[in-house]
Amino acid sequence: MTDDSLDAIEGPGGEGLFGLGSSPEEAGVIVIPVPFEATTSYGRGTAQGPAAVLAASDQLDLFDLETGRPYEAGIALLAEDPRVRAWNEQACQHAQPVIDNDGVGADPALRAAAAKVSGIQEELNAWLGAETRKWLDQGRLVGVLGGDHSVPFAAIEACAERWPGLGILHVDAHADLRLAYEGFTWSHASIIRNVADRIPGVARVVGVGYRDLCESEQRILGEDERFRAFPDPLLRRELQRGCPWIALLREIVDALPQQVYVSFDVDGLDPALCPHTGTPVPGGLSWAEATSLLRAVAESGREIVGFDLCEVAPDPKGESEWDANVGARLLYKLIGFALCSRPEGGSLS
């Protein structure tokens, strides 16, 4: 490909994700948008994440200094399924009184409302599972773009069916191990608990960046051998003692099995990079730390077989595109490192 043709591809304002215009039929990478956030209990807006990332994505330079030319594989963001928007609207209506009352308590009406939300999310799970399996069956790399962090469960399940013994690299400010948080079985705060309890094909969860969790979650992390956590305070303490970041990366990656699914909640980053995400927490990974973590997985010879990026929320005042800008760039890095990690993938720069 000539430099002139590359410049044409990278021109601003193109159609489709990253301005590529790739159709799902020809793309090697399929990104499934899931604009759903019914159980979000603090800041809202993640249902607008996929559209915001799409709008911000066409100003990226497609040549990446670390992963080369991910766009050559073809990258297609599927059209939003109107059923997901309808499910989100219905589920949010049922969820709001529960959230307003800080849970269901002993109120039968609130319990019924939470059950309706769970029923809707089970429909969402069935839809996403079928969609993910369809594209996996065609040999595509599949990613999920949320929405809140409850949404990728069925995509993880589909990948674990295909790759038993799957490992989850979970980047997040929260451990997400709560049981039916506020009465919601499929809460954004329960995604990893649901994965551990319901998906036997997942052998290991390696959590990075945790810094806001409850005692019961800490107990699970300490007692369940399927979990290995690298909380943010631990990482900072080791860095302050002089431990090189590269050594910490090696320890994190060594805890993962051969096939890896990356579940990335954007609040795992320093909130300066994602100020409008639903549950921001001080601390977190810098941009360089996050991308070097993904690079370390790819360089180790492990294969990234799927991924999700959740909790990107645009500025509700519309004054800044920063969250979506960071989200689009992180999505491109996830795609690039995943492609490089595949047996037929390209080499890292």
Protein backbone atom coordinates (compact mmCIF):
# COMPACT_ATOMS: atom_id res chain seq x y z
CA MET A 1 0.00 0.00 0.00
CA THR A 2 1.39 3.43 -0.91
CA ASP A 3 1.63 6.37 1.45
CA ASP A 4 -0.95 8.22 -0.66
CA SER A 5 -3.48 5.40 -0.35
CA LEU A 6 -2.85 5.21 3.38
CA ASP A 7 -3.52 8.94 3.71
CA ALA A 8 -6.80 8.44 1.86
CA ILE A 9 -7.87 5.73 4.29
CA GLU A 10 -7.00 7.96 7.23
CA GLY A 11 -8.92 10.97 5.97
CA PRO A 12 -11.42 12.45 8.49
CA GLY A 13 -15.16 12.06 8.30
CA GLY A 14 -15.34 8.55 6.86
CA GLU A 15 -18.28 6.29 7.56
CA GLY A 16 -18.18 3.49 10.09
CA LEU A 17 -15.95 2.85 13.10
CA PHE A 18 -12.59 4.67 12.75
CA GLY A 19 -13.87 6.03 9.44
CA LEU A 20 -13.15 2.70 7.75
CA GLY A 21 -16.49 1.85 6.20
CA SER A 22 -15.85 -1.89 6.63
CA SER A 23 -18.93 -4.06 6.22
CA PRO A 24 -19.55 -6.92 8.67
CA GLU A 25 -19.38 -9.37 5.78
CA GLU A 26 -15.77 -8.43 4.99
CA ALA A 27 -14.43 -7.41 8.40
CA GLY A 28 -12.15 -9.65 10.44
CA VAL A 29 -13.10 -7.79 13.62
CA ILE A 30 -16.72 -7.43 14.73
CA VAL A 31 -17.62 -4.96 17.49
CA ILE A 32 -21.09 -5.39 18.96
CA PRO A 33 -22.60 -2.25 20.52
CA VAL A 34 -24.73 -2.84 23.62
CA PRO A 35 -26.27 0.49 24.76
CA PHE A 36 -27.68 -0.83 28.02
CA GLU A 37 -27.28 0.54 31.57
CA ALA A 38 -30.33 -0.39 33.63
CA THR A 39 -28.57 -1.16 36.92
CA THR A 40 -26.16 1.81 36.93
CA SER A 41 -26.72 3.34 40.33
CA TYR A 42 -24.43 6.39 40.44
CA GLY A 43 -23.64 8.33 37.26
CA ARG A 44 -25.52 7.44 34.10
CA GLY A 45 -24.76 7.85 30.42
CA THR A 46 -22.98 4.62 29.49
CA ALA A 47 -25.84 3.68 27.15
CA GLN A 48 -24.61 6.54 24.98
CA GLY A 49 -21.08 5.14 25.01
CA PRO A 50 -21.17 3.20 21.71
CA ALA A 51 -22.54 6.15 19.75
CA ALA A 52 -20.07 8.54 21.36
CA VAL A 53 -17.09 6.27 20.64
CA LEU A 54 -18.23 5.89 17.04
CA ALA A 55 -18.50 9.66 16.61
CA ALA A 56 -15.03 10.25 18.08
CA SER A 57 -13.32 7.39 16.29
CA ASP A 58 -12.88 8.84 12.82
CA GLN A 59 -10.21 11.31 13.91
CA LEU A 60 -7.73 8.61 14.92
CA ASP A 61 -4.63 8.00 12.85
CA LEU A 62 -5.03 4.40 11.74
CA PHE A 63 -1.33 3.60 11.81
CA ASP A 64 -0.50 2.58 15.37
CA LEU A 65 3.06 2.84 16.65
CA GLU A 66 2.74 -0.42 18.61
CA THR A 67 0.42 -2.66 16.63
CA GLY A 68 0.96 -1.42 13.08
CA ARG A 69 -2.12 -1.48 10.87
CA PRO A 70 -5.05 -3.14 12.68
CA TYR A 71 -7.44 -1.62 10.13
CA GLU A 72 -6.11 -3.99 7.45
CA ALA A 73 -8.07 -6.82 9.10
CA GLY A 74 -11.29 -4.86 8.57
CA ILE A 75 -13.15 -3.52 11.61
CA ALA A 76 -16.94 -3.24 11.66
CA LEU A 77 -19.15 -1.85 14.39
CA LEU A 78 -22.54 -3.48 13.96
CA ALA A 79 -25.62 -1.29 13.84
CA GLU A 80 -27.34 -0.94 17.19
CA ASP A 81 -30.13 -3.47 17.49
CA PRO A 82 -33.36 -1.57 18.27
CA ARG A 83 -34.34 -4.34 20.67
CA VAL A 84 -31.44 -3.40 22.93
CA ARG A 85 -32.59 0.21 23.14
CA ALA A 86 -36.12 -0.98 23.90
CA TRP A 87 -34.87 -3.40 26.57
CA ASN A 88 -32.80 -0.63 28.11
CA GLU A 89 -35.74 1.75 28.28
CA GLN A 90 -38.01 -0.88 29.83
CA ALA A 91 -35.39 -2.10 32.29
CA CYS A 92 -34.44 1.44 33.37
CA GLN A 93 -38.08 2.19 34.16
CA HIS A 94 -38.36 -0.90 36.36
CA ALA A 95 -34.93 -0.35 37.94
CA GLN A 96 -35.28 3.29 38.95
CA PRO A 97 -37.55 2.81 41.99
CA VAL A 98 -35.23 0.07 43.25
CA ILE A 99 -32.19 2.34 42.84
CA ASP A 100 -34.04 5.24 44.50
CA ASN A 101 -34.69 3.02 47.53
CA ASP A 102 -31.12 1.64 47.67
CA GLY A 103 -32.30 -1.89 46.96
CA VAL A 104 -35.35 -4.08 47.24
CA GLY A 105 -35.38 -4.71 50.97
CA ALA A 106 -38.53 -6.56 51.98
CA ASP A 107 -40.81 -4.60 49.64
CA PRO A 108 -42.64 -7.05 47.33
CA ALA A 109 -43.21 -4.37 44.69
CA LEU A 110 -39.51 -3.56 44.53
CA ARG A 111 -38.63 -7.26 44.42
CA ALA A 112 -41.01 -7.69 41.50
CA ALA A 113 -39.45 -4.70 39.74
CA ALA A 114 -35.95 -6.14 40.18
CA ALA A 115 -37.16 -9.49 38.86
CA LYS A 116 -38.51 -7.77 35.74
CA VAL A 117 -35.12 -6.16 35.19
CA SER A 118 -33.44 -9.55 35.52
CA GLY A 119 -35.87 -11.06 33.03
CA ILE A 120 -35.10 -8.34 30.50
CA GLN A 121 -31.37 -8.81 30.97
CA GLU A 122 -31.75 -12.54 30.40
CA GLU A 123 -33.28 -11.67 27.02
CA LEU A 124 -30.30 -9.41 26.39
CA ASN A 125 -27.92 -12.23 27.36
CA ALA A 126 -29.61 -14.64 24.97
CA TRP A 127 -29.39 -12.13 22.13
CA LEU A 128 -25.73 -11.24 22.76
CA GLY A 129 -24.73 -14.88 23.17
CA ALA A 130 -26.30 -15.82 19.85
CA GLU A 131 -24.73 -12.81 18.11
CA THR A 132 -21.28 -13.55 19.52
CA ARG A 133 -21.40 -17.25 18.60
CA LYS A 134 -22.51 -16.39 15.05
CA TRP A 135 -19.42 -14.30 14.41
CA LEU A 136 -17.05 -16.61 16.30
CA ASP A 137 -18.26 -19.46 14.10
CA GLN A 138 -17.09 -17.41 11.10
CA GLY A 139 -13.61 -17.00 12.55
CA ARG A 140 -13.99 -13.34 13.51
CA LEU A 141 -12.46 -11.57 16.48
CA VAL A 142 -15.46 -10.32 18.48
CA GLY A 143 -15.56 -7.42 20.92
CA VAL A 144 -18.39 -5.85 22.91
CA LEU A 145 -18.80 -2.09 23.35
CA GLY A 146 -21.01 -1.18 26.31
CA GLY A 147 -23.05 0.07 28.01
CA ASP A 148 -22.49 -0.69 31.65
CA HIS A 149 -20.33 -3.56 32.76
CA SER A 150 -23.23 -5.99 33.17
CA VAL A 151 -23.53 -6.42 29.41
CA PRO A 152 -20.60 -8.66 28.30
CA PHE A 153 -21.59 -11.78 30.30
CA ALA A 154 -22.91 -13.75 27.32
CA ALA A 155 -19.91 -12.85 25.15
CA ILE A 156 -17.58 -14.18 27.85
CA GLU A 157 -19.72 -17.31 28.08
CA ALA A 158 -19.51 -17.85 24.30
CA CYS A 159 -15.73 -17.49 24.36
CA ALA A 160 -15.38 -19.85 27.33
CA GLU A 161 -17.40 -22.49 25.48
CA ARG A 162 -15.00 -22.25 22.54
CA TRP A 163 -11.84 -22.03 24.66
CA PRO A 164 -12.32 -24.04 27.89
CA GLY A 165 -9.86 -22.99 30.54
CA LEU A 166 -10.23 -19.36 29.48
CA GLY A 167 -8.66 -16.63 31.55
CA ILE A 168 -10.22 -13.20 32.14
CA LEU A 169 -7.99 -10.16 32.40
CA HIS A 170 -10.30 -7.83 34.31
CA VAL A 171 -9.24 -4.17 34.40
CA ASP A 172 -11.51 -2.23 36.73
CA ALA A 173 -11.66 0.05 39.75
CA HIS A 174 -14.09 -2.48 41.26
CA ALA A 175 -13.96 -6.25 41.75
CA ASP A 176 -17.58 -6.67 40.56
CA LEU A 177 -18.05 -9.71 42.82
CA ARG A 178 -21.20 -8.61 44.62
CA LEU A 179 -24.12 -11.00 44.74
CA ALA A 180 -27.32 -9.52 43.22
CA TYR A 181 -26.27 -5.96 44.05
CA GLU A 182 -29.29 -3.87 45.13
CA GLY A 183 -31.41 -6.89 44.23
CA PHE A 184 -30.31 -7.00 40.57
CA THR A 185 -29.03 -10.43 39.59
CA TRP A 186 -27.26 -9.05 36.51
CA SER A 187 -25.89 -5.90 38.11
CA HIS A 188 -22.88 -4.07 36.71
CA ALA A 189 -21.39 -4.71 40.17
CA SER A 190 -21.91 -8.48 39.80
CA ILE A 191 -20.48 -9.29 36.36
CA ILE A 192 -17.41 -11.17 37.61
CA ARG A 193 -19.42 -12.94 40.32
CA ASN A 194 -21.82 -14.16 37.62
CA VAL A 195 -18.91 -15.24 35.43
CA ALA A 196 -17.36 -17.21 38.30
CA ASP A 197 -20.65 -18.80 39.39
CA ARG A 198 -22.18 -19.54 35.99
CA ILE A 199 -19.41 -20.13 33.44
CA PRO A 200 -17.40 -23.27 34.24
CA GLY A 201 -15.17 -22.72 31.21
CA VAL A 202 -13.50 -19.75 32.92
CA ALA A 203 -10.50 -21.06 34.83
CA ARG A 204 -8.92 -17.86 36.11
CA VAL A 205 -9.76 -14.20 36.66
CA VAL A 206 -6.82 -11.82 37.01
CA GLY A 207 -7.96 -8.44 38.28
CA VAL A 208 -5.88 -5.29 37.80
CA GLY A 209 -6.52 -1.85 39.25
CA TYR A 210 -9.09 -2.69 41.95
CA ARG A 211 -9.34 0.06 44.54
CA ASP A 212 -12.98 0.17 45.66
CA LEU A 213 -14.44 -3.08 46.99
CA CYS A 214 -16.26 -4.48 50.00
CA GLU A 215 -15.09 -7.01 52.60
CA SER A 216 -17.03 -9.91 51.09
CA GLU A 217 -15.35 -9.29 47.72
CA GLN A 218 -11.93 -9.16 49.37
CA ARG A 219 -12.70 -12.44 51.11
CA ILE A 220 -13.57 -14.12 47.79
CA LEU A 221 -10.34 -12.83 46.24
CA GLY A 222 -8.37 -14.28 49.14
CA GLU A 223 -10.10 -17.65 49.34
CA ASP A 224 -11.02 -18.65 45.78
CA GLU A 225 -8.00 -19.98 43.88
CA ARG A 226 -9.56 -18.99 40.56
CA PHE A 227 -8.84 -15.33 41.39
CA ARG A 228 -5.58 -13.41 41.41
CA ALA A 229 -5.86 -9.71 42.17
CA PHE A 230 -3.37 -6.91 41.63
CA PRO A 231 -5.14 -4.02 43.40
CA ASP A 232 -4.08 -0.50 42.62
CA PRO A 233 -2.69 0.21 46.15
CA LEU A 234 -0.51 -2.90 45.89
CA LEU A 235 0.83 -1.88 42.47
CA ARG A 236 1.57 1.66 43.72
CA ARG A 237 3.36 0.36 46.82
CA GLU A 238 5.55 -1.94 44.76
CA LEU A 239 6.39 0.87 42.35
CA GLN A 240 7.26 3.18 45.25
CA ARG A 241 9.59 0.50 46.62
CA GLY A 242 11.43 0.50 43.33
CA CYS A 243 9.93 -2.55 41.65
CA PRO A 244 10.01 -1.98 37.86
CA TRP A 245 6.62 -1.83 36.13
CA ILE A 246 7.86 -4.43 33.66
CA ALA A 247 8.37 -6.89 36.53
CA LEU A 248 4.83 -6.31 37.77
CA LEU A 249 3.52 -6.86 34.24
CA ARG A 250 5.37 -10.15 34.06
CA GLU A 251 3.76 -11.30 37.31
CA ILE A 252 0.29 -10.28 36.11
CA VAL A 253 0.65 -12.02 32.76
CA ASP A 254 2.16 -15.16 34.27
CA ALA A 255 -1.07 -15.62 36.23
CA LEU A 256 -3.08 -15.91 33.00
CA PRO A 257 -3.71 -19.09 30.98
CA GLN A 258 -3.02 -19.37 27.25
CA GLN A 259 -6.32 -17.95 25.97
CA VAL A 260 -7.35 -14.61 27.43
CA TYR A 261 -10.51 -12.53 27.30
CA VAL A 262 -9.96 -8.88 28.26
CA SER A 263 -12.84 -7.26 30.15
CA PHE A 264 -11.99 -3.57 30.41
CA ASP A 265 -14.10 -1.22 32.49
CA VAL A 266 -12.84 2.25 31.62
CA ASP A 267 -12.99 3.26 35.29
CA GLY A 268 -9.91 1.06 35.71
CA LEU A 269 -8.07 4.03 34.26
CA ASP A 270 -7.12 7.20 36.09
CA PRO A 271 -10.40 9.19 36.06
CA ALA A 272 -8.59 12.09 34.42
CA LEU A 273 -8.90 9.92 31.31
CA CYS A 274 -12.59 9.13 31.80
CA PRO A 275 -14.12 11.81 34.06
CA HIS A 276 -17.75 11.07 33.16
CA THR A 277 -17.73 7.31 33.65
CA GLY A 278 -20.46 6.04 35.94
CA THR A 279 -18.44 5.24 39.08
CA PRO A 280 -15.08 7.06 38.94
CA VAL A 281 -12.55 6.31 41.67
CA PRO A 282 -9.27 8.17 42.36
CA GLY A 283 -6.16 6.27 41.34
CA GLY A 284 -6.05 3.78 38.51
CA LEU A 285 -3.87 3.00 35.54
CA SER A 286 -2.26 5.65 33.41
CA TRP A 287 -2.64 5.38 29.64
CA ALA A 288 0.90 4.03 29.30
CA GLU A 289 0.34 1.45 32.04
CA ALA A 290 -2.89 0.24 30.47
CA THR A 291 -1.48 -0.12 26.97
CA SER A 292 1.73 -1.74 28.22
CA LEU A 293 -0.42 -4.29 30.06
CA LEU A 294 -2.17 -5.22 26.82
CA ARG A 295 1.17 -5.34 25.05
CA ALA A 296 2.62 -7.64 27.72
CA VAL A 297 -0.21 -10.13 27.17
CA ALA A 298 0.38 -10.15 23.41
CA GLU A 299 4.17 -10.37 23.75
CA SER A 300 3.89 -13.33 26.13
CA GLY A 301 2.56 -15.60 23.38
CA ARG A 302 -0.90 -15.71 24.91
CA GLU A 303 -3.88 -15.17 22.63
CA ILE A 304 -6.51 -12.50 23.25
CA VAL A 305 -9.63 -14.26 21.96
CA GLY A 306 -12.22 -11.62 22.82
CA PHE A 307 -12.70 -8.38 24.69
CA ASP A 308 -15.15 -5.81 25.93
CA LEU A 309 -14.88 -2.11 26.69
CA CYS A 310 -17.56 -0.82 29.03
CA GLU A 311 -18.63 2.24 31.05
CA VAL A 312 -17.53 4.91 28.56
CA ALA A 313 -19.94 7.79 29.19
CA PRO A 314 -19.86 11.05 27.22
CA ASP A 315 -19.95 14.47 28.84
CA PRO A 316 -23.67 14.99 29.64
CA LYS A 317 -23.31 18.72 28.86
CA GLY A 318 -21.82 17.96 25.46
CA GLU A 319 -18.90 20.30 26.14
CA SER A 320 -16.12 17.74 25.74
CA GLU A 321 -15.43 14.66 23.62
CA TRP A 322 -12.60 13.56 25.88
CA ASP A 323 -14.20 10.38 27.30
CA ALA A 324 -15.19 9.17 23.84
CA ASN A 325 -11.78 10.11 22.42
CA VAL A 326 -10.03 7.99 25.05
CA GLY A 327 -12.60 5.21 24.59
CA ALA A 328 -12.06 5.11 20.83
CA ARG A 329 -8.29 4.98 21.22
CA LEU A 330 -8.50 2.27 23.87
CA LEU A 331 -10.82 0.26 21.64
CA TYR A 332 -8.31 0.50 18.78
CA LYS A 333 -5.50 -0.65 21.09
CA LEU A 334 -7.60 -3.61 22.28
CA ILE A 335 -8.24 -4.60 18.68
CA GLY A 336 -4.63 -4.10 17.64
CA PHE A 337 -3.07 -6.11 20.45
CA ALA A 338 -5.69 -8.85 20.08
CA LEU A 339 -4.91 -9.17 16.37
CA CYS A 340 -1.15 -9.26 17.04
CA SER A 341 -1.66 -11.99 19.65
CA ARG A 342 -3.36 -14.36 17.20
CA PRO A 343 -1.26 -17.20 15.73
CA GLU A 344 -1.58 -15.61 12.29
CA GLY A 345 -1.25 -12.06 13.64
CA GLY A 346 1.40 -9.51 12.81
CA SER A 347 4.43 -8.63 14.91
CA LEU A 348 4.47 -5.86 17.47
CA SER A 349 6.48 -2.73 16.71
